[in-house]
C-alpha atoms as a PDB file:
ATOM      1  CA  MET A   1       0.050  -0.011  -0.086  1.00  0.00           C
ATOM      2  CA  LYS A   2       1.268   3.270  -1.132  1.00  0.00           C
ATOM      3  CA  ILE A   3       0.299   6.434   0.483  1.00  0.00           C
ATOM      4  CA  ILE A   4       0.615   9.387  -1.289  1.00  0.00           C
ATOM      5  CA  PHE A   5      -1.356  11.891   0.988  1.00  0.00           C
ATOM      6  CA  GLU A   6      -2.785  11.968   4.637  1.00  0.00           C
ATOM      7  CA  ASP A   7      -3.698  14.619   7.121  1.00  0.00           C
ATOM      8  CA  ASN A   8      -6.688  14.164   9.797  1.00  0.00           C
ATOM      9  CA  ASP A   9      -9.558  13.428   7.590  1.00  0.00           C
ATOM     10  CA  ILE A  10      -8.164  11.242   4.979  1.00  0.00           C
ATOM     11  CA  ILE A  11      -5.809   9.079   3.355  1.00  0.00           C
ATOM     12  CA  VAL A  12      -4.805   8.944  -0.628  1.00  0.00           C
ATOM     13  CA  VAL A  13      -3.618   5.497  -1.662  1.00  0.00           C
ATOM     14  CA  ASP A  14      -2.073   4.748  -4.900  1.00  0.00           C
ATOM     15  CA  LYS A  15      -3.374   1.185  -5.455  1.00  0.00           C
ATOM     16  CA  PRO A  16      -1.764  -1.606  -7.468  1.00  0.00           C
ATOM     17  CA  ALA A  17      -3.263  -3.852  -9.541  1.00  0.00           C
ATOM     18  CA  ASP A  18      -4.019  -7.525  -8.421  1.00  0.00           C
ATOM     19  CA  LEU A  19      -5.368  -6.143  -5.238  1.00  0.00           C
ATOM     20  CA  THR A  20      -9.236  -5.986  -3.853  1.00  0.00           C
ATOM     21  CA  VAL A  21     -10.237  -2.789  -2.352  1.00  0.00           C
ATOM     22  CA  HIS A  22     -12.979  -4.642   0.231  1.00  0.00           C
ATOM     23  CA  PRO A  23     -13.703  -7.749   1.250  1.00  0.00           C
ATOM     24  CA  ASN A  24     -17.307  -9.557   0.281  1.00  0.00           C
ATOM     25  CA  ASN A  25     -17.635 -11.609   3.269  1.00  0.00           C
ATOM     26  CA  SER A  26     -15.872 -11.548   6.808  1.00  0.00           C
ATOM     27  CA  GLU A  27     -13.702 -14.932   5.595  1.00  0.00           C
ATOM     28  CA  GLN A  28     -12.110 -12.825   2.591  1.00  0.00           C
ATOM     29  CA  LYS A  29      -8.662 -11.410   3.585  1.00  0.00           C
ATOM     30  CA  ASP A  30      -5.572  -9.523   2.016  1.00  0.00           C
ATOM     31  CA  THR A  31      -7.248  -6.539   0.594  1.00  0.00           C
ATOM     32  CA  LEU A  32      -6.812  -2.976   0.575  1.00  0.00           C
ATOM     33  CA  VAL A  33      -9.239  -2.692   3.888  1.00  0.00           C
ATOM     34  CA  HIS A  34      -6.791  -5.281   5.933  1.00  0.00           C
ATOM     35  CA  GLN A  35      -4.024  -2.992   4.854  1.00  0.00           C
ATOM     36  CA  LEU A  36      -5.466  -0.074   6.285  1.00  0.00           C
ATOM     37  CA  LEU A  37      -7.221  -1.319   9.330  1.00  0.00           C
ATOM     38  CA  ASP A  38      -3.628  -2.548  10.188  1.00  0.00           C
ATOM     39  CA  TYR A  39      -2.218   1.205   9.348  1.00  0.00           C
ATOM     40  CA  TYR A  40      -5.082   3.004  11.219  1.00  0.00           C
ATOM     41  CA  PRO A  41      -7.109   0.394  13.547  1.00  0.00           C
ATOM     42  CA  LYS A  42      -9.827   3.410  14.353  1.00  0.00           C
ATOM     43  CA  LEU A  43     -10.961   2.898  10.222  1.00  0.00           C
ATOM     44  CA  LYS A  44     -12.709   0.194  11.759  1.00  0.00           C
ATOM     45  CA  ASN A  45     -15.596   2.504  13.074  1.00  0.00           C
ATOM     46  CA  ILE A  46     -16.167   5.065  10.126  1.00  0.00           C
ATOM     47  CA  GLY A  47     -18.922   4.169   7.569  1.00  0.00           C
ATOM     48  CA  GLU A  48     -22.023   1.895   7.108  1.00  0.00           C
ATOM     49  CA  ASP A  49     -20.663  -1.471   6.040  1.00  0.00           C
ATOM     50  CA  SER A  50     -18.215  -2.660   8.393  1.00  0.00           C
ATOM     51  CA  LEU A  51     -16.743  -4.908   5.501  1.00  0.00           C
ATOM     52  CA  ARG A  52     -16.019  -1.340   3.824  1.00  0.00           C
ATOM     53  CA  PRO A  53     -14.879   0.881   6.712  1.00  0.00           C
ATOM     54  CA  GLY A  54     -13.628   4.374   5.299  1.00  0.00           C
ATOM     55  CA  ILE A  55     -14.203   3.223   1.788  1.00  0.00           C
ATOM     56  CA  VAL A  56     -16.434   6.037  -0.088  1.00  0.00           C
ATOM     57  CA  HIS A  57     -15.592   4.839  -3.746  1.00  0.00           C
ATOM     58  CA  ARG A  58     -13.574   1.512  -5.118  1.00  0.00           C
ATOM     59  CA  LEU A  59     -11.555   0.183  -7.892  1.00  0.00           C
ATOM     60  CA  ASP A  60     -11.811  -2.820  -9.573  1.00  0.00           C
ATOM     61  CA  LYS A  61      -9.529  -5.478  -8.120  1.00  0.00           C
ATOM     62  CA  ASP A  62      -7.403  -5.319 -11.562  1.00  0.00           C
ATOM     63  CA  THR A  63      -7.352  -1.275 -11.910  1.00  0.00           C
ATOM     64  CA  SER A  64      -4.477   0.392 -10.527  1.00  0.00           C
ATOM     65  CA  GLY A  65      -4.714   4.104  -9.338  1.00  0.00           C
ATOM     66  CA  ILE A  66      -5.392   6.772  -6.615  1.00  0.00           C
ATOM     67  CA  ILE A  67      -8.509   6.173  -4.070  1.00  0.00           C
ATOM     68  CA  VAL A  68      -9.364   8.240  -1.157  1.00  0.00           C
ATOM     69  CA  ILE A  69     -10.721   6.585   2.348  1.00  0.00           C
ATOM     70  CA  ALA A  70     -12.365   8.930   5.207  1.00  0.00           C
ATOM     71  CA  LYS A  71     -10.807   8.285   8.119  1.00  0.00           C
ATOM     72  CA  ASN A  72     -13.690   9.516  10.094  1.00  0.00           C
ATOM     73  CA  SER A  73     -17.234  10.261  10.010  1.00  0.00           C
ATOM     74  CA  LYS A  74     -17.400  13.546   8.934  1.00  0.00           C
ATOM     75  CA  SER A  75     -15.251  13.130   6.063  1.00  0.00           C
ATOM     76  CA  PHE A  76     -17.188  10.031   5.461  1.00  0.00           C
ATOM     77  CA  ASN A  77     -20.298  11.972   4.906  1.00  0.00           C
ATOM     78  CA  TYR A  78     -18.415  14.718   2.673  1.00  0.00           C
ATOM     79  CA  LEU A  79     -16.524  12.555   0.603  1.00  0.00           C
ATOM     80  CA  LYS A  80     -19.513  10.552   0.168  1.00  0.00           C
ATOM     81  CA  ASP A  81     -21.842  13.367  -0.793  1.00  0.00           C
ATOM     82  CA  LEU A  82     -19.258  14.959  -3.290  1.00  0.00           C
ATOM     83  CA  PHE A  83     -19.161  11.723  -5.050  1.00  0.00           C
ATOM     84  CA  LYS A  84     -23.178  11.597  -5.223  1.00  0.00           C
ATOM     85  CA  ASN A  85     -23.350  15.446  -6.241  1.00  0.00           C
ATOM     86  CA  ARG A  86     -20.478  14.506  -9.160  1.00  0.00           C
ATOM     87  CA  GLU A  87     -18.093  17.453  -7.493  1.00  0.00           C
ATOM     88  CA  ILE A  88     -15.175  15.301  -7.604  1.00  0.00           C
ATOM     89  CA  VAL A  89     -12.976  14.916 -11.065  1.00  0.00           C
ATOM     90  CA  LYS A  90     -11.781  11.750 -11.828  1.00  0.00           C
ATOM     91  CA  ARG A  91      -9.773  10.435 -14.836  1.00  0.00           C
ATOM     92  CA  TYR A  92      -8.241   7.307 -16.327  1.00  0.00           C
ATOM     93  CA  ILE A  93      -5.917   6.094 -18.802  1.00  0.00           C
ATOM     94  CA  ALA A  94      -7.162   3.271 -20.672  1.00  0.00           C
ATOM     95  CA  LEU A  95      -5.914   1.193 -23.847  1.00  0.00           C
ATOM     96  CA  VAL A  96      -8.511  -0.263 -26.074  1.00  0.00           C
ATOM     97  CA  HIS A  97      -9.203  -2.262 -28.988  1.00  0.00           C
ATOM     98  CA  GLY A  98      -9.290  -0.961 -32.200  1.00  0.00           C
ATOM     99  CA  LYS A  99      -9.275   2.740 -33.558  1.00  0.00           C
ATOM    100  CA  VAL A 100     -11.617   5.139 -31.668  1.00  0.00           C
ATOM    101  CA  LYS A 101     -12.680   7.414 -34.894  1.00  0.00           C
ATOM    102  CA  ASP A 102     -13.712  10.309 -32.594  1.00  0.00           C
ATOM    103  CA  LYS A 103     -10.912  12.754 -31.139  1.00  0.00           C
ATOM    104  CA  LYS A 104     -13.668  13.201 -28.131  1.00  0.00           C
ATOM    105  CA  GLY A 105     -16.735  11.632 -27.084  1.00  0.00           C
ATOM    106  CA  THR A 106     -19.348  11.271 -24.448  1.00  0.00           C
ATOM    107  CA  ILE A 107     -21.285   7.614 -23.336  1.00  0.00           C
ATOM    108  CA  THR A 108     -24.515   8.195 -21.367  1.00  0.00           C
ATOM    109  CA  LYS A 109     -26.080   4.852 -22.048  1.00  0.00           C
ATOM    110  CA  SER A 110     -27.553   3.377 -18.386  1.00  0.00           C
ATOM    111  CA  ILE A 111     -26.365   0.005 -17.040  1.00  0.00           C
ATOM    112  CA  SER A 112     -27.847  -2.888 -15.566  1.00  0.00           C
ATOM    113  CA  PHE A 113     -26.996  -6.568 -14.865  1.00  0.00           C
ATOM    114  CA  SER A 114     -26.398  -8.589 -17.495  1.00  0.00           C
ATOM    115  CA  LYS A 115     -29.235 -11.232 -18.147  1.00  0.00           C
ATOM    116  CA  LYS A 116     -26.716 -14.356 -18.833  1.00  0.00           C
ATOM    117  CA  ASP A 117     -24.109 -13.479 -15.833  1.00  0.00           C
ATOM    118  CA  HIS A 118     -24.912 -12.408 -12.895  1.00  0.00           C
ATOM    119  CA  LYS A 119     -21.659 -11.256 -12.400  1.00  0.00           C
ATOM    120  CA  LYS A 120     -21.707  -8.896 -14.971  1.00  0.00           C
ATOM    121  CA  ARG A 121     -23.227  -5.690 -16.216  1.00  0.00           C
ATOM    122  CA  THR A 122     -23.879  -4.480 -19.147  1.00  0.00           C
ATOM    123  CA  ALA A 123     -25.072  -1.448 -21.235  1.00  0.00           C
ATOM    124  CA  LEU A 124     -29.119  -1.957 -20.958  1.00  0.00           C
ATOM    125  CA  LEU A 125     -31.895   0.011 -20.249  1.00  0.00           C
ATOM    126  CA  ASP A 126     -34.496  -1.684 -17.643  1.00  0.00           C
ATOM    127  CA  ALA A 127     -36.508  -1.349 -14.570  1.00  0.00           C
ATOM    128  CA  LYS A 128     -33.050  -1.728 -12.956  1.00  0.00           C
ATOM    129  CA  SER A 129     -30.563   0.013 -14.894  1.00  0.00           C
ATOM    130  CA  LYS A 130     -28.836   3.307 -13.385  1.00  0.00           C
ATOM    131  CA  LYS A 131     -28.054   6.247 -15.682  1.00  0.00           C
ATOM    132  CA  ALA A 132     -23.992   6.561 -16.233  1.00  0.00           C
ATOM    133  CA  TRP A 133     -21.956   8.899 -18.119  1.00  0.00           C
ATOM    134  CA  THR A 134     -18.645   8.414 -19.411  1.00  0.00           C
ATOM    135  CA  GLU A 135     -16.067  11.044 -21.195  1.00  0.00           C
ATOM    136  CA  TYR A 136     -13.122  10.205 -23.493  1.00  0.00           C
ATOM    137  CA  ARG A 137     -10.363  11.834 -25.144  1.00  0.00           C
ATOM    138  CA  VAL A 138      -7.425  10.405 -27.862  1.00  0.00           C
ATOM    139  CA  LEU A 139      -4.067  10.827 -26.795  1.00  0.00           C
ATOM    140  CA  GLU A 140      -2.295   8.573 -29.097  1.00  0.00           C
ATOM    141  CA  TYR A 141      -3.187   5.452 -31.989  1.00  0.00           C
ATOM    142  CA  PHE A 142      -1.164   2.509 -32.326  1.00  0.00           C
ATOM    143  CA  TYR A 143      -0.540  -0.280 -34.454  1.00  0.00           C
ATOM    144  CA  PHE A 144       0.720  -3.594 -33.201  1.00  0.00           C
ATOM    145  CA  SER A 145       0.298  -7.246 -34.629  1.00  0.00           C
ATOM    146  CA  LYS A 146      -1.338  -5.843 -37.409  1.00  0.00           C
ATOM    147  CA  LYS A 147      -4.047  -4.671 -35.157  1.00  0.00           C
ATOM    148  CA  GLU A 148      -4.799  -1.564 -34.132  1.00  0.00           C
ATOM    149  CA  TYR A 149      -5.244   0.318 -30.669  1.00  0.00           C
ATOM    150  CA  THR A 150      -6.091   3.623 -28.889  1.00  0.00           C
ATOM    151  CA  LEU A 151      -4.632   5.215 -25.573  1.00  0.00           C
ATOM    152  CA  LEU A 152      -7.787   6.900 -23.817  1.00  0.00           C
ATOM    153  CA  GLU A 153      -7.821   9.870 -21.137  1.00  0.00           C
ATOM    154  CA  VAL A 154     -11.320   8.801 -19.628  1.00  0.00           C
ATOM    155  CA  SER A 155     -13.333  10.785 -17.304  1.00  0.00           C
ATOM    156  CA  LEU A 156     -16.112   9.902 -15.263  1.00  0.00           C
ATOM    157  CA  LYS A 157     -19.309  11.919 -14.254  1.00  0.00           C
ATOM    158  CA  THR A 158     -20.771   8.996 -12.704  1.00  0.00           C
ATOM    159  CA  GLY A 159     -19.181   6.040 -10.623  1.00  0.00           C
ATOM    160  CA  ARG A 160     -21.358   2.821 -11.727  1.00  0.00           C
ATOM    161  CA  THR A 161     -19.635  -0.548 -11.232  1.00  0.00           C
ATOM    162  CA  HIS A 162     -17.456  -1.409 -14.049  1.00  0.00           C
ATOM    163  CA  GLN A 163     -18.638   1.541 -16.175  1.00  0.00           C
ATOM    164  CA  ILE A 164     -15.807   2.352 -18.077  1.00  0.00           C
ATOM    165  CA  ARG A 165     -15.083  -1.176 -18.964  1.00  0.00           C
ATOM    166  CA  ILE A 166     -18.664  -1.622 -19.949  1.00  0.00           C
ATOM    167  CA  HIS A 167     -19.235   1.816 -21.876  1.00  0.00           C
ATOM    168  CA  LEU A 168     -15.966   1.279 -23.917  1.00  0.00           C
ATOM    169  CA  LYS A 169     -16.935  -1.981 -24.680  1.00  0.00           C
ATOM    170  CA  SER A 170     -20.479  -0.798 -25.656  1.00  0.00           C
ATOM    171  CA  ILE A 171     -18.653   1.464 -28.279  1.00  0.00           C
ATOM    172  CA  GLY A 172     -17.060  -1.408 -29.724  1.00  0.00           C
ATOM    173  CA  HIS A 173     -13.893  -0.546 -28.357  1.00  0.00           C
ATOM    174  CA  PRO A 174     -13.406  -2.606 -25.390  1.00  0.00           C
ATOM    175  CA  ILE A 175     -10.169  -2.283 -22.858  1.00  0.00           C
ATOM    176  CA  VAL A 176      -7.021  -4.402 -24.014  1.00  0.00           C
ATOM    177  CA  GLY A 177      -6.599  -7.020 -21.216  1.00  0.00           C
ATOM    178  CA  ASP A 178     -10.361  -7.201 -20.150  1.00  0.00           C
ATOM    179  CA  LYS A 179     -10.943 -11.013 -19.529  1.00  0.00           C
ATOM    180  CA  GLN A 180     -14.343 -10.069 -18.503  1.00  0.00           C
ATOM    181  CA  TYR A 181     -15.544  -7.542 -20.902  1.00  0.00           C
ATOM    182  CA  LYS A 182     -13.995  -8.268 -24.305  1.00  0.00           C
ATOM    183  CA  PHE A 183     -14.760  -9.582 -27.907  1.00  0.00           C
ATOM    184  CA  LYS A 184     -13.715 -12.924 -29.499  1.00  0.00           C
ATOM    185  CA  ARG A 185      -9.980 -13.119 -31.183  1.00  0.00           C
ATOM    186  CA  GLN A 186      -8.667 -10.045 -29.393  1.00  0.00           C
ATOM    187  CA  ILE A 187      -4.751  -9.645 -29.504  1.00  0.00           C
ATOM    188  CA  CYS A 188      -3.198  -9.029 -26.096  1.00  0.00           C
ATOM    189  CA  PRO A 189       0.616  -7.682 -25.780  1.00  0.00           C
ATOM    190  CA  LYS A 190       2.023 -10.522 -24.308  1.00  0.00           C
ATOM    191  CA  SER A 191       3.721  -8.589 -20.834  1.00  0.00           C
ATOM    192  CA  LEU A 192       0.488  -7.087 -20.418  1.00  0.00           C
ATOM    193  CA  THR A 193      -1.308  -9.385 -17.483  1.00  0.00           C
ATOM    194  CA  ARG A 194      -4.370  -7.218 -16.412  1.00  0.00           C
ATOM    195  CA  GLN A 195      -6.741  -5.052 -17.774  1.00  0.00           C
ATOM    196  CA  PHE A 196      -5.261  -1.882 -19.018  1.00  0.00           C
ATOM    197  CA  LEU A 197      -6.798   0.880 -16.732  1.00  0.00           C
ATOM    198  CA  HIS A 198      -5.346   3.464 -14.736  1.00  0.00           C
ATOM    199  CA  ALA A 199      -6.842   5.725 -12.393  1.00  0.00           C
ATOM    200  CA  LYS A 200      -4.347   8.453 -13.020  1.00  0.00           C
ATOM    201  CA  TYR A 201      -6.180  11.898 -10.862  1.00  0.00           C
ATOM    202  CA  LEU A 202      -8.379  13.088  -8.525  1.00  0.00           C
ATOM    203  CA  LYS A 203      -9.681  16.701  -7.976  1.00  0.00           C
ATOM    204  CA  PHE A 204     -11.945  17.896  -5.043  1.00  0.00           C
ATOM    205  CA  LYS A 205     -12.439  20.614  -2.372  1.00  0.00           C
ATOM    206  CA  MET A 206     -11.098  19.146   0.957  1.00  0.00           C
ATOM    207  CA  LEU A 207     -13.455  20.003   4.231  1.00  0.00           C
ATOM    208  CA  ASP A 208     -11.326  23.050   4.592  1.00  0.00           C
ATOM    209  CA  GLY A 209     -11.981  24.312   1.292  1.00  0.00           C
ATOM    210  CA  LYS A 210      -8.571  23.835  -0.166  1.00  0.00           C
ATOM    211  CA  ILE A 211      -9.207  22.278  -3.210  1.00  0.00           C
ATOM    212  CA  MET A 212      -6.537  19.522  -3.690  1.00  0.00           C
ATOM    213  CA  GLU A 213      -5.451  17.541  -7.037  1.00  0.00           C
ATOM    214  CA  PHE A 214      -3.830  13.895  -6.454  1.00  0.00           C
ATOM    215  CA  LYS A 215      -1.936  11.879  -9.638  1.00  0.00           C
ATOM    216  CA  SER A 216      -0.711   8.893 -10.311  1.00  0.00           C
ATOM    217  CA  GLY A 217       1.822   8.008 -12.921  1.00  0.00           C
ATOM    218  CA  LEU A 218       1.392   4.837 -15.133  1.00  0.00           C
ATOM    219  CA  PRO A 219       2.752   1.806 -13.281  1.00  0.00           C
ATOM    220  CA  GLU A 220       5.333   0.123 -14.351  1.00  0.00           C
ATOM    221  CA  ASP A 221       3.771  -2.903 -16.084  1.00  0.00           C
ATOM    222  CA  LEU A 222       1.680  -0.800 -18.271  1.00  0.00           C
ATOM    223  CA  LYS A 223       4.552   1.257 -19.648  1.00  0.00           C
ATOM    224  CA  LYS A 224       6.216  -1.819 -20.393  1.00  0.00           C
ATOM    225  CA  THR A 225       2.643  -2.850 -22.505  1.00  0.00           C
ATOM    226  CA  LEU A 226       3.476   0.413 -24.194  1.00  0.00           C
ATOM    227  CA  ASN A 227       6.709   0.152 -25.412  1.00  0.00           C
ATOM    228  CA  GLU A 228       6.333  -3.305 -26.298  1.00  0.00           C
ATOM    229  CA  ILE A 229       3.545  -1.901 -28.538  1.00  0.00           C
ATOM    230  CA  LYS A 230       5.929   1.288 -30.067  1.00  0.00           C
ATOM    231  CA  ASN A 231       8.872  -1.079 -30.445  1.00  0.00           C
ATOM    232  CA  ASN A 232       6.894  -3.584 -32.691  1.00  0.00           C
ATOM    233  CA  GLU A 233       4.766  -1.068 -34.649  1.00  0.00           C
END
């Protein structure tokens, strides 16, 4: 666990890939929450769920990057409202299959549970669907192993489970390395062992009114993947 900022109200962590944020049951171990509790035991009393103390948002297990944790009830409720009211700027880096035609775009497809697989979500409008809003802009195009790829900066206006992954797949550009939301016969660089998705930036107003920005550089495994692509174009 790499802490990049801490004060009396919050802890900001640069989460590595292959680390689950919180347990789904009391038997599950080795999550970010367990590491946080070892570091700051008082966290156990913060929030509405004993399995998710201090957690106001989350990242998928195989998504790396910045996550903010509340250290007290006041900051928990404050951050929860910021996320609910879309007052936190969240930006990600994603490498997707195919050449994204538009240099900028917005996806507003609602998200619901998949009718074929209860573990998955899908871009679907039904009685249980929730509104979702994703914006993206093209950073760079690549051509690797006779296939096209696009590096995107992605911004979230809402925070639905698997939102970026679902939305990008829904427009025909699934994230490279994503084993859950993918098309058949996709070619991935050999160096990539997880989905190419990284939470690089958070910006919000602190309890004292100060505007804070938190940044995370691209992890070494994702840099290695980009180098593999660039050296074999």
